[in-house]
Amino acid sequence: MRILLTADPFIPVPPVHYGGIERIIDGLAHEFKQAGHTVGLLAHPESQCDVHAFFSWPDITGRKPNWPQHSRTLFQAAGQFQPDILHSFSRLSYLAPLMWTPYPKIMSYQRATGRRNITLFNTLIRNLLFTGCSEYICRQGRRAGGCWKPVHNFVPLDQFDFVERVPDDAPLLFLSRIEKIKGAHTAIQIAHASGKKLILAGNRVDSPAGLHYWKNHIEPELDGEMVRYVGAVDDRQKNQLLGTACALLVPIEWDEPFGIVFAEALACGTPVISNPRGALPEIITRPELGCLTGDQKEAVNAVQHVHRFDRKACREHAMKKFSSVTISKEYLATYKKLMEA
């Protein structure tokens, strides 16, 4: 089949640095090509994704989308490519000029959805399916209307080494943005109470609230021994940190839309200790994979008995549920079903 993918205009596919969904799109394009399909992509002009047909958004100045211009660009790209299915990871409003085209259209969401646009465009656009990166996101979307299907994100498993065993003194790892909703301060409290070393890794937030949080709740706890901050990390460092940790400890204080770092930890065989919010119960589905609890005492107990988790089961779960092959097959099956409807 002929599959046209669209990415937001602001970050190349694949991304040079940060860009989670751009990595997903790049991986899907690769898997679709491997399966024998013809793939087109509309994305940032500097994208290097290997596809059969590439279409570029107009040059972007700032980060404000130009709805009329981008809608026209998508309309022209679809006209040239003539897709059997169009899968948008960009903006729902860009699909407006294509509302009466006969082929199926999929709009994928990675975060909380805007109800007004969904309600409006669901009534206007023919053959439209919504997907969310988790059932949690889909539950939100269904309130606005439309047909919704959860399809999880995937992890590039070849970039994460499975580590079957770590030393008894292996540290805990907090890997996320250093901000309150991610629970870095709670991770420090849990580490202290359990007598375990903790490594903090991730970007600091430079907003006034972020700076206040760092100065008052994180920096005073850094001693370079029991609690250590290593800054932002690249893919190689992430693999090394996750693989050598006894557990990933990110006690979130918000509803995580998906949380790719949790699946990345499982890919390394590293169990997860967090809270049962957002999509976390969809990722940590069995006791041997980790512990989801809002109770700090239970989290401390989980850390102190971390050897009870099964690192091999963690890796196997990631391979079965969060591989690019698994997720691409799920999308392809969805495409086929839509085309046959």
C-alpha atoms as a PDB file:
ATOM      1  CA  MET A   1       0.000   0.000   0.000  1.00  0.00           C
ATOM      2  CA  ARG A   2       0.971   3.639  -0.398  1.00  0.00           C
ATOM      3  CA  ILE A   3       1.375   5.277   3.019  1.00  0.00           C
ATOM      4  CA  LEU A   4       1.839   9.023   3.472  1.00  0.00           C
ATOM      5  CA  LEU A   5       3.187  10.035   6.901  1.00  0.00           C
ATOM      6  CA  THR A   6       3.248  13.601   8.201  1.00  0.00           C
ATOM      7  CA  ALA A   7       5.362  15.041  11.012  1.00  0.00           C
ATOM      8  CA  ASP A   8       5.173  18.443  12.682  1.00  0.00           C
ATOM      9  CA  PRO A   9       7.146  21.099  10.751  1.00  0.00           C
ATOM     10  CA  PHE A  10       9.552  22.036  13.535  1.00  0.00           C
ATOM     11  CA  ILE A  11      11.977  19.084  14.012  1.00  0.00           C
ATOM     12  CA  PRO A  12      13.676  16.935  11.337  1.00  0.00           C
ATOM     13  CA  VAL A  13      12.913  13.227  10.963  1.00  0.00           C
ATOM     14  CA  PRO A  14      14.906  11.647  12.496  1.00  0.00           C
ATOM     15  CA  PRO A  15      15.746  14.351  15.043  1.00  0.00           C
ATOM     16  CA  VAL A  16      19.299  15.531  15.544  1.00  0.00           C
ATOM     17  CA  HIS A  17      18.801  15.787  19.308  1.00  0.00           C
ATOM     18  CA  TYR A  18      15.458  15.815  21.122  1.00  0.00           C
ATOM     19  CA  GLY A  19      12.363  14.641  19.284  1.00  0.00           C
ATOM     20  CA  GLY A  20      10.547  11.567  20.538  1.00  0.00           C
ATOM     21  CA  ILE A  21       7.755  11.351  17.986  1.00  0.00           C
ATOM     22  CA  GLU A  22      10.152  12.129  15.140  1.00  0.00           C
ATOM     23  CA  ARG A  23      12.103   9.007  16.143  1.00  0.00           C
ATOM     24  CA  ILE A  24       8.879   7.018  16.091  1.00  0.00           C
ATOM     25  CA  ILE A  25       7.998   8.262  12.595  1.00  0.00           C
ATOM     26  CA  ASP A  26      11.486   7.425  11.316  1.00  0.00           C
ATOM     27  CA  GLY A  27      11.234   3.912  12.754  1.00  0.00           C
ATOM     28  CA  LEU A  28       7.775   3.348  11.290  1.00  0.00           C
ATOM     29  CA  ALA A  29       8.923   4.489   7.848  1.00  0.00           C
ATOM     30  CA  HIS A  30      11.800   1.998   8.013  1.00  0.00           C
ATOM     31  CA  GLU A  31       9.566  -0.894   9.080  1.00  0.00           C
ATOM     32  CA  PHE A  32       6.928  -0.081   6.457  1.00  0.00           C
ATOM     33  CA  LYS A  33       9.563  -0.065   3.728  1.00  0.00           C
ATOM     34  CA  GLN A  34      10.987  -3.364   5.001  1.00  0.00           C
ATOM     35  CA  ALA A  35       7.492  -4.834   4.730  1.00  0.00           C
ATOM     36  CA  GLY A  36       7.313  -3.829   1.049  1.00  0.00           C
ATOM     37  CA  HIS A  37       5.100  -0.769   1.230  1.00  0.00           C
ATOM     38  CA  THR A  38       5.633   2.561  -0.564  1.00  0.00           C
ATOM     39  CA  VAL A  39       6.224   5.325   1.961  1.00  0.00           C
ATOM     40  CA  GLY A  40       5.962   9.078   1.580  1.00  0.00           C
ATOM     41  CA  LEU A  41       6.832  11.653   4.239  1.00  0.00           C
ATOM     42  CA  LEU A  42       5.947  15.308   4.714  1.00  0.00           C
ATOM     43  CA  ALA A  43       8.301  16.785   7.297  1.00  0.00           C
ATOM     44  CA  HIS A  44      10.893  19.432   8.197  1.00  0.00           C
ATOM     45  CA  PRO A  45      13.064  20.323   5.163  1.00  0.00           C
ATOM     46  CA  GLU A  46      16.250  19.020   6.832  1.00  0.00           C
ATOM     47  CA  SER A  47      14.815  15.535   7.407  1.00  0.00           C
ATOM     48  CA  GLN A  48      17.000  12.597   6.370  1.00  0.00           C
ATOM     49  CA  CYS A  49      14.453   9.800   6.741  1.00  0.00           C
ATOM     50  CA  ASP A  50      14.826   7.142   4.028  1.00  0.00           C
ATOM     51  CA  VAL A  51      11.483   7.092   2.189  1.00  0.00           C
ATOM     52  CA  HIS A  52      10.318   6.646  -1.379  1.00  0.00           C
ATOM     53  CA  ALA A  53       8.929  10.177  -1.660  1.00  0.00           C
ATOM     54  CA  PHE A  54       9.800  13.175   0.502  1.00  0.00           C
ATOM     55  CA  PHE A  55       7.801  16.389   0.746  1.00  0.00           C
ATOM     56  CA  SER A  56       8.939  19.434   2.698  1.00  0.00           C
ATOM     57  CA  TRP A  57       7.002  21.864   4.809  1.00  0.00           C
ATOM     58  CA  PRO A  58       7.699  25.537   4.038  1.00  0.00           C
ATOM     59  CA  ASP A  59      10.538  27.122   6.001  1.00  0.00           C
ATOM     60  CA  ILE A  60       9.566  27.675   9.612  1.00  0.00           C
ATOM     61  CA  THR A  61      10.321  30.928  11.404  1.00  0.00           C
ATOM     62  CA  GLY A  62       9.602  30.659  15.099  1.00  0.00           C
ATOM     63  CA  ARG A  63       7.348  27.849  16.304  1.00  0.00           C
ATOM     64  CA  LYS A  64       3.920  29.116  15.258  1.00  0.00           C
ATOM     65  CA  PRO A  65       2.165  26.923  12.694  1.00  0.00           C
ATOM     66  CA  ASN A  66       0.841  28.647   9.605  1.00  0.00           C
ATOM     67  CA  TRP A  67      -2.478  26.818   9.196  1.00  0.00           C
ATOM     68  CA  PRO A  68      -3.417  27.959   5.645  1.00  0.00           C
ATOM     69  CA  GLN A  69       0.085  27.464   4.251  1.00  0.00           C
ATOM     70  CA  HIS A  70       0.629  24.072   5.886  1.00  0.00           C
ATOM     71  CA  SER A  71      -2.834  22.824   4.904  1.00  0.00           C
ATOM     72  CA  ARG A  72      -2.102  23.769   1.306  1.00  0.00           C
ATOM     73  CA  THR A  73       1.285  22.002   1.448  1.00  0.00           C
ATOM     74  CA  LEU A  74      -0.305  18.796   2.747  1.00  0.00           C
ATOM     75  CA  PHE A  75      -3.037  18.968   0.104  1.00  0.00           C
ATOM     76  CA  GLN A  76      -0.415  19.294  -2.649  1.00  0.00           C
ATOM     77  CA  ALA A  77       1.751  16.475  -1.233  1.00  0.00           C
ATOM     78  CA  ALA A  78      -1.230  14.131  -1.033  1.00  0.00           C
ATOM     79  CA  GLY A  79      -2.196  15.045  -4.574  1.00  0.00           C
ATOM     80  CA  GLN A  80       1.252  14.155  -5.865  1.00  0.00           C
ATOM     81  CA  PHE A  81       1.714  10.992  -3.796  1.00  0.00           C
ATOM     82  CA  GLN A  82      -1.846   9.634  -4.137  1.00  0.00           C
ATOM     83  CA  PRO A  83      -1.801   7.630  -0.870  1.00  0.00           C
ATOM     84  CA  ASP A  84      -3.938   4.652   0.002  1.00  0.00           C
ATOM     85  CA  ILE A  85      -3.833   5.952   3.562  1.00  0.00           C
ATOM     86  CA  LEU A  86      -2.657   9.185   5.184  1.00  0.00           C
ATOM     87  CA  HIS A  87      -1.260   9.007   8.718  1.00  0.00           C
ATOM     88  CA  SER A  88      -0.787  12.377  10.391  1.00  0.00           C
ATOM     89  CA  PHE A  89       1.464  12.963  13.387  1.00  0.00           C
ATOM     90  CA  SER A  90       1.213  16.723  12.817  1.00  0.00           C
ATOM     91  CA  ARG A  91      -1.893  18.907  13.223  1.00  0.00           C
ATOM     92  CA  LEU A  92      -5.517  17.880  12.802  1.00  0.00           C
ATOM     93  CA  SER A  93      -6.421  21.212  11.229  1.00  0.00           C
ATOM     94  CA  TYR A  94      -3.977  20.577   8.346  1.00  0.00           C
ATOM     95  CA  LEU A  95      -6.311  17.794   7.144  1.00  0.00           C
ATOM     96  CA  ALA A  96      -9.177  20.192   6.438  1.00  0.00           C
ATOM     97  CA  PRO A  97      -8.616  20.519   2.648  1.00  0.00           C
ATOM     98  CA  LEU A  98      -8.630  16.703   2.405  1.00  0.00           C
ATOM     99  CA  MET A  99     -11.959  16.242   4.175  1.00  0.00           C
ATOM    100  CA  TRP A 100     -13.734  14.718   1.163  1.00  0.00           C
ATOM    101  CA  THR A 101     -10.915  12.534  -0.154  1.00  0.00           C
ATOM    102  CA  PRO A 102     -11.953   8.854  -0.125  1.00  0.00           C
ATOM    103  CA  TYR A 103      -8.868   7.251   1.413  1.00  0.00           C
ATOM    104  CA  PRO A 104      -8.658   6.654   5.194  1.00  0.00           C
ATOM    105  CA  LYS A 105      -6.970   9.227   7.383  1.00  0.00           C
ATOM    106  CA  ILE A 106      -5.422   8.646  10.816  1.00  0.00           C
ATOM    107  CA  MET A 107      -4.671  11.399  13.307  1.00  0.00           C
ATOM    108  CA  SER A 108      -2.271  10.305  16.063  1.00  0.00           C
ATOM    109  CA  TYR A 109      -1.928  12.031  19.419  1.00  0.00           C
ATOM    110  CA  GLN A 110       0.995  11.885  21.837  1.00  0.00           C
ATOM    111  CA  ARG A 111      -0.469  14.155  24.485  1.00  0.00           C
ATOM    112  CA  ALA A 112      -3.734  15.483  25.872  1.00  0.00           C
ATOM    113  CA  THR A 113      -6.155  16.428  23.130  1.00  0.00           C
ATOM    114  CA  GLY A 114      -8.070  19.591  22.272  1.00  0.00           C
ATOM    115  CA  ARG A 115     -11.751  18.670  22.402  1.00  0.00           C
ATOM    116  CA  ARG A 116     -13.160  21.481  20.255  1.00  0.00           C
ATOM    117  CA  ASN A 117     -11.091  20.658  17.163  1.00  0.00           C
ATOM    118  CA  ILE A 118     -11.728  16.927  17.515  1.00  0.00           C
ATOM    119  CA  THR A 119     -15.474  17.420  17.784  1.00  0.00           C
ATOM    120  CA  LEU A 120     -15.490  19.758  14.772  1.00  0.00           C
ATOM    121  CA  PHE A 121     -13.214  17.849  12.422  1.00  0.00           C
ATOM    122  CA  ASN A 122     -14.693  14.468  13.309  1.00  0.00           C
ATOM    123  CA  THR A 123     -17.950  15.689  11.766  1.00  0.00           C
ATOM    124  CA  LEU A 124     -16.233  17.213   8.729  1.00  0.00           C
ATOM    125  CA  ILE A 125     -13.505  14.784   7.670  1.00  0.00           C
ATOM    126  CA  ARG A 126     -14.472  11.597   5.883  1.00  0.00           C
ATOM    127  CA  ASN A 127     -12.875   8.249   6.904  1.00  0.00           C
ATOM    128  CA  LEU A 128     -11.056   9.575   9.979  1.00  0.00           C
ATOM    129  CA  LEU A 129      -9.641   7.440  12.806  1.00  0.00           C
ATOM    130  CA  PHE A 130      -7.876   8.794  15.890  1.00  0.00           C
ATOM    131  CA  THR A 131      -5.088   6.947  17.648  1.00  0.00           C
ATOM    132  CA  GLY A 132      -3.444   7.749  20.957  1.00  0.00           C
ATOM    133  CA  CYS A 133      -0.091   6.601  22.315  1.00  0.00           C
ATOM    134  CA  SER A 134      -1.975   5.050  25.247  1.00  0.00           C
ATOM    135  CA  GLU A 135      -5.447   4.050  26.301  1.00  0.00           C
ATOM    136  CA  TYR A 136      -5.211   6.909  28.792  1.00  0.00           C
ATOM    137  CA  ILE A 137      -4.970   9.419  25.911  1.00  0.00           C
ATOM    138  CA  CYS A 138      -7.752   7.643  24.006  1.00  0.00           C
ATOM    139  CA  ARG A 139     -10.110   7.866  26.982  1.00  0.00           C
ATOM    140  CA  GLN A 140      -9.627  11.626  26.967  1.00  0.00           C
ATOM    141  CA  GLY A 141     -10.153  11.840  23.219  1.00  0.00           C
ATOM    142  CA  ARG A 142     -13.359   9.810  23.184  1.00  0.00           C
ATOM    143  CA  ARG A 143     -15.044  12.472  25.306  1.00  0.00           C
ATOM    144  CA  ALA A 144     -14.834  14.771  22.271  1.00  0.00           C
ATOM    145  CA  GLY A 145     -16.150  12.140  19.861  1.00  0.00           C
ATOM    146  CA  GLY A 146     -14.752  10.005  17.073  1.00  0.00           C
ATOM    147  CA  CYS A 147     -13.362   6.497  16.875  1.00  0.00           C
ATOM    148  CA  TRP A 148     -10.175   5.992  18.928  1.00  0.00           C
ATOM    149  CA  LYS A 149      -7.609   3.194  19.010  1.00  0.00           C
ATOM    150  CA  PRO A 150      -4.602   2.995  21.376  1.00  0.00           C
ATOM    151  CA  VAL A 151      -1.258   2.192  19.751  1.00  0.00           C
ATOM    152  CA  HIS A 152       1.732   2.455  22.041  1.00  0.00           C
ATOM    153  CA  ASN A 153       5.068   4.012  21.167  1.00  0.00           C
ATOM    154  CA  PHE A 154       8.062   1.769  20.617  1.00  0.00           C
ATOM    155  CA  VAL A 155      11.679   1.556  21.711  1.00  0.00           C
ATOM    156  CA  PRO A 156      14.594   0.974  19.280  1.00  0.00           C
ATOM    157  CA  LEU A 157      15.633  -2.246  21.016  1.00  0.00           C
ATOM    158  CA  ASP A 158      18.944  -2.470  19.184  1.00  0.00           C
ATOM    159  CA  GLN A 159      20.054   0.708  21.001  1.00  0.00           C
ATOM    160  CA  PHE A 160      19.458  -0.747  24.463  1.00  0.00           C
ATOM    161  CA  ASP A 161      21.604  -3.559  25.840  1.00  0.00           C
ATOM    162  CA  PHE A 162      20.008  -6.142  28.100  1.00  0.00           C
ATOM    163  CA  VAL A 163      21.829  -6.416  31.443  1.00  0.00           C
ATOM    164  CA  GLU A 164      20.706  -9.559  33.222  1.00  0.00           C
ATOM    165  CA  ARG A 165      22.388  -8.881  36.566  1.00  0.00           C
ATOM    166  CA  VAL A 166      23.673  -5.809  38.423  1.00  0.00           C
ATOM    167  CA  PRO A 167      25.734  -5.631  41.638  1.00  0.00           C
ATOM    168  CA  ASP A 168      23.978  -5.405  45.000  1.00  0.00           C
ATOM    169  CA  ASP A 169      25.204  -1.829  45.361  1.00  0.00           C
ATOM    170  CA  ALA A 170      23.931  -0.721  41.936  1.00  0.00           C
ATOM    171  CA  PRO A 171      22.331   2.743  42.161  1.00  0.00           C
ATOM    172  CA  LEU A 172      18.815   3.862  41.523  1.00  0.00           C
ATOM    173  CA  LEU A 173      18.338   6.065  38.459  1.00  0.00           C
ATOM    174  CA  PHE A 174      16.049   9.043  37.965  1.00  0.00           C
ATOM    175  CA  LEU A 175      16.019   9.820  34.232  1.00  0.00           C
ATOM    176  CA  SER A 176      13.658  12.578  33.169  1.00  0.00           C
ATOM    177  CA  ARG A 177      13.292  16.351  33.188  1.00  0.00           C
ATOM    178  CA  ILE A 178      14.255  17.755  36.567  1.00  0.00           C
ATOM    179  CA  GLU A 179      10.901  19.219  37.524  1.00  0.00           C
ATOM    180  CA  LYS A 180       8.265  18.727  40.179  1.00  0.00           C
ATOM    181  CA  ILE A 181       5.755  16.783  38.098  1.00  0.00           C
ATOM    182  CA  LYS A 182       8.405  14.140  37.401  1.00  0.00           C
ATOM    183  CA  GLY A 183       9.020  13.663  41.115  1.00  0.00           C
ATOM    184  CA  ALA A 184      12.785  14.133  41.400  1.00  0.00           C
ATOM    185  CA  HIS A 185      12.430  15.391  44.993  1.00  0.00           C
ATOM    186  CA  THR A 186      10.402  12.315  45.933  1.00  0.00           C
ATOM    187  CA  ALA A 187      13.001  10.059  44.306  1.00  0.00           C
ATOM    188  CA  ILE A 188      15.635  11.628  46.561  1.00  0.00           C
ATOM    189  CA  GLN A 189      13.482  11.009  49.646  1.00  0.00           C
ATOM    190  CA  ILE A 190      12.897   7.373  48.655  1.00  0.00           C
ATOM    191  CA  ALA A 191      16.601   6.834  47.986  1.00  0.00           C
ATOM    192  CA  HIS A 192      17.568   8.291  51.371  1.00  0.00           C
ATOM    193  CA  ALA A 193      14.981   6.191  53.203  1.00  0.00           C
ATOM    194  CA  SER A 194      16.105   2.998  51.477  1.00  0.00           C
ATOM    195  CA  GLY A 195      19.849   3.664  51.875  1.00  0.00           C
ATOM    196  CA  LYS A 196      20.461   3.467  48.135  1.00  0.00           C
ATOM    197  CA  LYS A 197      22.566   5.722  45.936  1.00  0.00           C
ATOM    198  CA  LEU A 198      20.654   7.767  43.384  1.00  0.00           C
ATOM    199  CA  ILE A 199      21.797   9.185  40.056  1.00  0.00           C
ATOM    200  CA  LEU A 200      19.754  12.054  38.626  1.00  0.00           C
ATOM    201  CA  ALA A 201      19.938  12.507  34.850  1.00  0.00           C
ATOM    202  CA  GLY A 202      17.976  14.791  32.560  1.00  0.00           C
ATOM    203  CA  ASN A 203      17.450  18.361  31.461  1.00  0.00           C
ATOM    204  CA  ARG A 204      16.966  21.104  34.011  1.00  0.00           C
ATOM    205  CA  VAL A 205      14.025  23.459  33.477  1.00  0.00           C
ATOM    206  CA  ASP A 206      15.065  27.112  33.142  1.00  0.00           C
ATOM    207  CA  SER A 207      11.689  28.706  33.824  1.00  0.00           C
ATOM    208  CA  PRO A 208      11.307  30.683  37.092  1.00  0.00           C
ATOM    209  CA  ALA A 209       9.378  27.774  38.616  1.00  0.00           C
ATOM    210  CA  GLY A 210      11.984  25.310  37.358  1.00  0.00           C
ATOM    211  CA  LEU A 211      14.881  27.312  38.772  1.00  0.00           C
ATOM    212  CA  HIS A 212      13.107  27.667  42.121  1.00  0.00           C
ATOM    213  CA  TYR A 213      12.501  23.915  42.211  1.00  0.00           C
ATOM    214  CA  TRP A 214      16.158  23.182  41.474  1.00  0.00           C
ATOM    215  CA  LYS A 215      17.548  25.664  43.994  1.00  0.00           C
ATOM    216  CA  ASN A 216      15.235  24.699  46.836  1.00  0.00           C
ATOM    217  CA  HIS A 217      14.511  20.998  46.395  1.00  0.00           C
ATOM    218  CA  ILE A 218      17.294  19.407  44.353  1.00  0.00           C
ATOM    219  CA  GLU A 219      20.602  21.269  44.609  1.00  0.00           C
ATOM    220  CA  PRO A 220      20.757  21.154  48.454  1.00  0.00           C
ATOM    221  CA  GLU A 221      20.470  17.343  48.314  1.00  0.00           C
ATOM    222  CA  LEU A 222      23.369  16.798  45.899  1.00  0.00           C
ATOM    223  CA  ASP A 223      26.411  15.456  47.758  1.00  0.00           C
ATOM    224  CA  GLY A 224      28.226  13.779  44.850  1.00  0.00           C
ATOM    225  CA  GLU A 225      28.083  10.431  46.615  1.00  0.00           C
ATOM    226  CA  MET A 226      24.598   9.290  47.675  1.00  0.00           C
ATOM    227  CA  VAL A 227      22.797  11.713  45.352  1.00  0.00           C
ATOM    228  CA  ARG A 228      24.546  12.773  42.154  1.00  0.00           C
ATOM    229  CA  TYR A 229      23.412  14.818  39.134  1.00  0.00           C
ATOM    230  CA  VAL A 230      25.026  13.964  35.783  1.00  0.00           C
ATOM    231  CA  GLY A 231      23.095  16.402  33.567  1.00  0.00           C
ATOM    232  CA  ALA A 232      21.426  15.744  30.240  1.00  0.00           C
ATOM    233  CA  VAL A 233      22.498  12.498  28.538  1.00  0.00           C
ATOM    234  CA  ASP A 234      22.686  11.207  24.972  1.00  0.00           C
ATOM    235  CA  ASP A 235      21.489   7.803  23.758  1.00  0.00           C
ATOM    236  CA  ARG A 236      24.773   6.062  24.567  1.00  0.00           C
ATOM    237  CA  GLN A 237      24.859   7.438  28.106  1.00  0.00           C
ATOM    238  CA  LYS A 238      21.176   6.628  28.591  1.00  0.00           C
ATOM    239  CA  ASN A 239      21.808   3.000  27.647  1.00  0.00           C
ATOM    240  CA  GLN A 240      24.723   2.769  30.075  1.00  0.00           C
ATOM    241  CA  LEU A 241      22.875   4.416  32.967  1.00  0.00           C
ATOM    242  CA  LEU A 242      19.726   2.350  32.550  1.00  0.00           C
ATOM    243  CA  GLY A 243      21.634  -0.891  32.187  1.00  0.00           C
ATOM    244  CA  THR A 244      23.681  -0.401  35.347  1.00  0.00           C
ATOM    245  CA  ALA A 245      20.820   0.782  37.579  1.00  0.00           C
ATOM    246  CA  CYS A 246      19.022  -1.520  39.986  1.00  0.00           C
ATOM    247  CA  ALA A 247      15.762   0.265  39.103  1.00  0.00           C
ATOM    248  CA  LEU A 248      14.414   3.307  37.327  1.00  0.00           C
ATOM    249  CA  LEU A 249      12.855   5.513  39.999  1.00  0.00           C
ATOM    250  CA  VAL A 250      10.634   8.260  38.538  1.00  0.00           C
ATOM    251  CA  PRO A 251       7.712   8.825  40.945  1.00  0.00           C
ATOM    252  CA  ILE A 252       5.619  11.016  38.660  1.00  0.00           C
ATOM    253  CA  GLU A 253       3.121  13.543  39.993  1.00  0.00           C
ATOM    254  CA  TRP A 254       1.155  13.966  36.772  1.00  0.00           C
ATOM    255  CA  ASP A 255      -0.704  11.797  34.265  1.00  0.00           C
ATOM    256  CA  GLU A 256       2.009  10.639  31.882  1.00  0.00           C
ATOM    257  CA  PRO A 257       0.684  10.315  28.285  1.00  0.00           C
ATOM    258  CA  PHE A 258       3.098   7.419  27.664  1.00  0.00           C
ATOM    259  CA  GLY A 259       6.578   7.887  29.109  1.00  0.00           C
ATOM    260  CA  ILE A 260       9.088   6.333  26.711  1.00  0.00           C
ATOM    261  CA  VAL A 261      11.829   6.187  29.372  1.00  0.00           C
ATOM    262  CA  PHE A 262       9.862   3.518  31.237  1.00  0.00           C
ATOM    263  CA  ALA A 263       9.809   1.272  28.170  1.00  0.00           C
ATOM    264  CA  GLU A 264      13.504   2.026  27.587  1.00  0.00           C
ATOM    265  CA  ALA A 265      14.284   0.887  31.118  1.00  0.00           C
ATOM    266  CA  LEU A 266      12.461  -2.398  30.535  1.00  0.00           C
ATOM    267  CA  ALA A 267      14.452  -2.859  27.318  1.00  0.00           C
ATOM    268  CA  CYS A 268      17.628  -2.857  29.428  1.00  0.00           C
ATOM    269  CA  GLY A 269      16.080  -5.299  31.892  1.00  0.00           C
ATOM    270  CA  THR A 270      15.694  -2.582  34.505  1.00  0.00           C
ATOM    271  CA  PRO A 271      12.515  -2.641  36.634  1.00  0.00           C
ATOM    272  CA  VAL A 272      10.452   0.502  37.145  1.00  0.00           C
ATOM    273  CA  ILE A 273       9.295   2.117  40.383  1.00  0.00           C
ATOM    274  CA  SER A 274       6.776   4.882  39.855  1.00  0.00           C
ATOM    275  CA  ASN A 275       3.162   5.908  40.467  1.00  0.00           C
ATOM    276  CA  PRO A 276       0.047   4.425  38.804  1.00  0.00           C
ATOM    277  CA  ARG A 277      -0.867   7.552  36.858  1.00  0.00           C
ATOM    278  CA  GLY A 278      -1.559   8.171  33.186  1.00  0.00           C
ATOM    279  CA  ALA A 279      -0.236   5.385  30.967  1.00  0.00           C
ATOM    280  CA  LEU A 280       2.044   3.766  33.558  1.00  0.00           C
ATOM    281  CA  PRO A 281      -0.371   0.894  34.303  1.00  0.00           C
ATOM    282  CA  GLU A 282      -0.295   0.084  30.574  1.00  0.00           C
ATOM    283  CA  ILE A 283       3.501  -0.254  30.644  1.00  0.00           C
ATOM    284  CA  ILE A 284       4.099  -1.927  34.005  1.00  0.00           C
ATOM    285  CA  THR A 285       1.437  -4.594  33.758  1.00  0.00           C
ATOM    286  CA  ARG A 286       2.874  -7.334  35.990  1.00  0.00           C
ATOM    287  CA  PRO A 287       4.534  -7.376  39.460  1.00  0.00           C
ATOM    288  CA  GLU A 288       7.826  -8.764  38.163  1.00  0.00           C
ATOM    289  CA  LEU A 289       8.319  -5.645  36.005  1.00  0.00           C
ATOM    290  CA  GLY A 290       8.320  -3.158  38.868  1.00  0.00           C
ATOM    291  CA  CYS A 291       6.121  -1.394  41.368  1.00  0.00           C
ATOM    292  CA  LEU A 292       3.504   1.321  40.858  1.00  0.00           C
ATOM    293  CA  THR A 293       2.419   2.900  44.115  1.00  0.00           C
ATOM    294  CA  GLY A 294       1.523   6.325  45.414  1.00  0.00           C
ATOM    295  CA  ASP A 295       2.669   5.284  48.876  1.00  0.00           C
ATOM    296  CA  GLN A 296       6.243   6.316  49.656  1.00  0.00           C
ATOM    297  CA  LYS A 297       6.698   3.533  52.210  1.00  0.00           C
ATOM    298  CA  GLU A 298       5.735   0.952  49.601  1.00  0.00           C
ATOM    299  CA  ALA A 299       8.200   2.516  47.172  1.00  0.00           C
ATOM    300  CA  VAL A 300      10.971   2.273  49.787  1.00  0.00           C
ATOM    301  CA  ASN A 301      10.060  -1.373  50.386  1.00  0.00           C
ATOM    302  CA  ALA A 302      10.208  -2.020  46.623  1.00  0.00           C
ATOM    303  CA  VAL A 303      13.695  -0.515  46.468  1.00  0.00           C
ATOM    304  CA  GLN A 304      14.887  -2.570  49.425  1.00  0.00           C
ATOM    305  CA  HIS A 305      13.603  -5.755  47.747  1.00  0.00           C
ATOM    306  CA  VAL A 306      14.507  -4.812  44.190  1.00  0.00           C
ATOM    307  CA  HIS A 307      16.106  -8.241  43.642  1.00  0.00           C
ATOM    308  CA  ARG A 308      12.580  -9.706  43.556  1.00  0.00           C
ATOM    309  CA  PHE A 309      11.908  -8.129  40.196  1.00  0.00           C
ATOM    310  CA  ASP A 310      12.778 -10.143  37.081  1.00  0.00           C
ATOM    311  CA  ARG A 311      15.173  -8.372  34.729  1.00  0.00           C
ATOM    312  CA  LYS A 312      14.759 -11.040  32.038  1.00  0.00           C
ATOM    313  CA  ALA A 313      10.977 -10.625  32.177  1.00  0.00           C
ATOM    314  CA  CYS A 314      11.454  -6.861  31.793  1.00  0.00           C
ATOM    315  CA  ARG A 315      13.419  -7.310  28.571  1.00  0.00           C
ATOM    316  CA  GLU A 316      11.010  -9.905  27.203  1.00  0.00           C
ATOM    317  CA  HIS A 317       8.065  -7.609  27.928  1.00  0.00           C
ATOM    318  CA  ALA A 318       9.746  -4.751  26.053  1.00  0.00           C
ATOM    319  CA  MET A 319      10.486  -7.007  23.080  1.00  0.00           C
ATOM    320  CA  LYS A 320       6.914  -8.278  22.933  1.00  0.00           C
ATOM    321  CA  LYS A 321       5.030  -5.027  23.550  1.00  0.00           C
ATOM    322  CA  PHE A 322       7.307  -2.116  22.624  1.00  0.00           C
ATOM    323  CA  SER A 323       9.393  -3.128  19.602  1.00  0.00           C
ATOM    324  CA  SER A 324       9.223  -1.266  16.287  1.00  0.00           C
ATOM    325  CA  VAL A 325       8.222  -4.512  14.562  1.00  0.00           C
ATOM    326  CA  THR A 326       5.285  -5.042  16.926  1.00  0.00           C
ATOM    327  CA  ILE A 327       3.997  -1.477  16.682  1.00  0.00           C
ATOM    328  CA  SER A 328       4.453  -1.184  12.909  1.00  0.00           C
ATOM    329  CA  LYS A 329       2.493  -4.427  12.420  1.00  0.00           C
ATOM    330  CA  GLU A 330      -0.276  -3.039  14.598  1.00  0.00           C
ATOM    331  CA  TYR A 331      -0.466   0.099  12.473  1.00  0.00           C
ATOM    332  CA  LEU A 332      -0.379  -1.900   9.230  1.00  0.00           C
ATOM    333  CA  ALA A 333      -3.222  -4.125  10.439  1.00  0.00           C
ATOM    334  CA  THR A 334      -5.180  -0.968  11.304  1.00  0.00           C
ATOM    335  CA  TYR A 335      -4.506   0.497   7.851  1.00  0.00           C
ATOM    336  CA  LYS A 336      -5.677  -2.687   6.143  1.00  0.00           C
ATOM    337  CA  LYS A 337      -8.871  -2.835   8.215  1.00  0.00           C
ATOM    338  CA  LEU A 338      -9.681   0.787   7.411  1.00  0.00           C
ATOM    339  CA  MET A 339      -9.076   0.285   3.705  1.00  0.00           C
ATOM    340  CA  GLU A 340     -11.378  -2.749   3.656  1.00  0.00           C
ATOM    341  CA  ALA A 341     -14.184  -1.013   5.564  1.00  0.00           C
END
